[in-house]
Amino acid sequence: MKQRPIRVLIAKVGLDGHDRGAKVIATTLRDAGMEVIYTGLRQTPEMVVNTALQEDVDAIGVSILSGAHNTVFPKILHLMKENEMDDVLLTGGGIIPEDEMQALHELGVGKLFPPGTPTRTIADYITEWVHTHRSF
């Protein structure tokens, strides 16, 4: 029986209007064999989690450049917990200071990636996390 591809939701939350990086990551993940759902711009945390539920994703990747990461990631994480999405990875990247990345990780957010991270590193991380934490 053929294994289904890893399903990843790529989201841009809030008023951040720069989506080039999110599109690059979406393309990289697709080229790595993943099924990618891209939400487009100006999503709310509620919209992201609802789409993730509807699409039965393995991972949510949030691209954020607006500085709202300390609001967005905890809100998404809270909504994920409310919806019992304990086996779905919440990861992302953007302009996030290292100490704040660590604080978000301690809350339960997965690894966060700064600009310039090799795209293969992100694809490998998601693949490894999903195969470790989810059953197919």
Protein backbone atom coordinates (compact mmCIF):
# COMPACT_ATOMS: atom_id res chain seq x y z
CA MET A 1 0.00 0.00 0.00
CA LYS A 2 1.33 3.42 -0.95
CA GLN A 3 1.95 5.85 1.88
CA ARG A 4 0.14 9.17 1.56
CA PRO A 5 2.27 12.29 1.26
CA ILE A 6 2.90 14.54 4.23
CA ARG A 7 0.31 17.33 4.22
CA VAL A 8 1.51 20.80 5.23
CA LEU A 9 -0.45 24.03 5.59
CA ILE A 10 1.57 27.18 4.91
CA ALA A 11 -0.03 30.29 6.37
CA LYS A 12 0.49 34.05 6.49
CA VAL A 13 -1.27 35.44 9.56
CA GLY A 14 -2.26 39.03 10.22
CA LEU A 15 -1.50 42.09 8.16
CA ASP A 16 1.91 40.93 6.96
CA GLY A 17 1.72 41.36 3.19
CA HIS A 18 5.05 39.84 2.19
CA ASP A 19 4.57 36.27 1.00
CA ARG A 20 7.58 35.55 -1.21
CA GLY A 21 9.30 33.46 1.47
CA ALA A 22 6.12 31.49 2.18
CA LYS A 23 5.75 30.72 -1.51
CA VAL A 24 9.39 29.61 -1.76
CA ILE A 25 8.90 27.26 1.20
CA ALA A 26 5.63 25.96 -0.24
CA THR A 27 7.38 25.16 -3.52
CA THR A 28 10.32 23.52 -1.73
CA LEU A 29 8.03 21.30 0.32
CA ARG A 30 6.01 20.36 -2.76
CA ASP A 31 9.22 19.49 -4.60
CA ALA A 32 10.18 17.31 -1.60
CA GLY A 33 7.02 15.27 -2.19
CA MET A 34 4.73 16.91 0.32
CA GLU A 35 1.18 18.04 -0.36
CA VAL A 36 1.06 21.77 0.39
CA ILE A 37 -1.97 23.92 1.10
CA TYR A 38 -1.19 27.65 0.98
CA THR A 39 -3.73 29.89 2.72
CA GLY A 40 -2.74 33.16 1.12
CA LEU A 41 -2.39 36.46 2.94
CA ARG A 42 -4.17 37.98 5.94
CA GLN A 43 -5.36 34.86 7.73
CA THR A 44 -6.48 34.81 11.36
CA PRO A 45 -5.30 32.11 13.76
CA GLU A 46 -8.86 30.74 13.73
CA MET A 47 -8.84 30.53 9.93
CA VAL A 48 -5.49 28.73 9.97
CA VAL A 49 -6.59 26.12 12.50
CA ASN A 50 -9.96 25.59 10.80
CA THR A 51 -8.25 25.04 7.45
CA ALA A 52 -5.73 22.68 9.07
CA LEU A 53 -8.59 20.65 10.53
CA GLN A 54 -10.50 20.54 7.25
CA GLU A 55 -7.41 19.53 5.30
CA ASP A 56 -6.22 16.98 7.89
CA VAL A 57 -2.66 18.30 7.81
CA ASP A 58 0.39 16.86 9.52
CA ALA A 59 2.06 20.23 9.99
CA ILE A 60 1.30 23.95 10.00
CA GLY A 61 4.01 26.35 8.90
CA VAL A 62 3.52 30.03 9.68
CA SER A 63 5.57 32.67 7.91
CA ILE A 64 5.68 35.87 9.92
CA LEU A 65 7.62 39.06 9.34
CA SER A 66 5.35 41.52 11.14
CA GLY A 67 6.69 41.11 14.67
CA ALA A 68 3.43 39.58 15.92
CA HIS A 69 4.95 36.13 16.51
CA ASN A 70 4.49 36.30 20.31
CA THR A 71 0.75 36.74 19.75
CA VAL A 72 0.18 34.58 16.66
CA PHE A 73 2.00 31.38 17.63
CA PRO A 74 0.49 31.09 21.17
CA LYS A 75 -3.00 31.75 19.77
CA ILE A 76 -2.63 29.08 17.08
CA LEU A 77 -1.17 26.67 19.62
CA HIS A 78 -4.10 27.31 21.99
CA LEU A 79 -6.63 26.68 19.21
CA MET A 80 -4.79 23.52 18.19
CA LYS A 81 -4.97 22.22 21.77
CA GLU A 82 -8.69 23.08 21.96
CA ASN A 83 -9.19 20.99 18.83
CA GLU A 84 -7.03 18.10 20.10
CA MET A 85 -4.45 18.57 17.37
CA ASP A 86 -1.67 17.33 19.64
CA ASP A 87 -0.02 15.32 16.87
CA VAL A 88 0.21 18.23 14.39
CA LEU A 89 3.47 20.16 14.15
CA LEU A 90 3.33 23.94 14.48
CA THR A 91 6.48 25.39 12.96
CA GLY A 92 7.39 28.47 10.98
CA GLY A 93 9.85 31.18 10.37
CA GLY A 94 10.55 34.80 9.73
CA ILE A 95 11.99 37.70 11.65
CA ILE A 96 11.99 36.29 15.19
CA PRO A 97 14.79 36.99 17.70
CA GLU A 98 16.57 33.85 18.94
CA ASP A 99 15.49 34.29 22.58
CA GLU A 100 11.87 34.65 21.49
CA MET A 101 12.19 31.53 19.30
CA GLN A 102 13.31 29.67 22.42
CA ALA A 103 10.40 31.02 24.50
CA LEU A 104 7.91 29.94 21.80
CA HIS A 105 9.54 26.52 21.63
CA GLU A 106 9.10 26.15 25.40
CA LEU A 107 5.37 26.82 24.91
CA GLY A 108 5.17 23.92 22.45
CA VAL A 109 5.93 25.50 19.09
CA GLY A 110 8.29 23.43 16.94
CA LYS A 111 11.54 24.66 15.51
CA LEU A 112 11.41 28.16 14.00
CA PHE A 113 13.62 29.14 11.08
CA PRO A 114 15.21 32.55 10.44
CA PRO A 115 15.65 34.02 6.95
CA GLY A 116 18.50 32.37 5.08
CA THR A 117 17.86 28.88 6.45
CA PRO A 118 18.49 26.34 3.68
CA THR A 119 15.10 25.21 2.43
CA ARG A 120 16.20 21.56 2.51
CA THR A 121 16.77 21.93 6.28
CA ILE A 122 13.12 22.93 6.71
CA ALA A 123 11.83 20.07 4.53
CA ASP A 124 14.00 17.56 6.40
CA TYR A 125 12.81 18.84 9.79
CA ILE A 126 9.14 18.53 8.86
CA THR A 127 9.65 15.07 7.37
CA GLU A 128 11.52 13.79 10.42
CA TRP A 129 9.03 15.30 12.89
CA VAL A 130 6.00 13.89 11.09
CA HIS A 131 7.48 10.41 10.76
CA THR A 132 8.41 10.44 14.45
CA HIS A 133 5.13 11.84 15.84
CA ARG A 134 2.37 10.71 13.48
CA SER A 135 1.29 7.29 12.32
CA PHE A 136 0.46 6.71 8.68
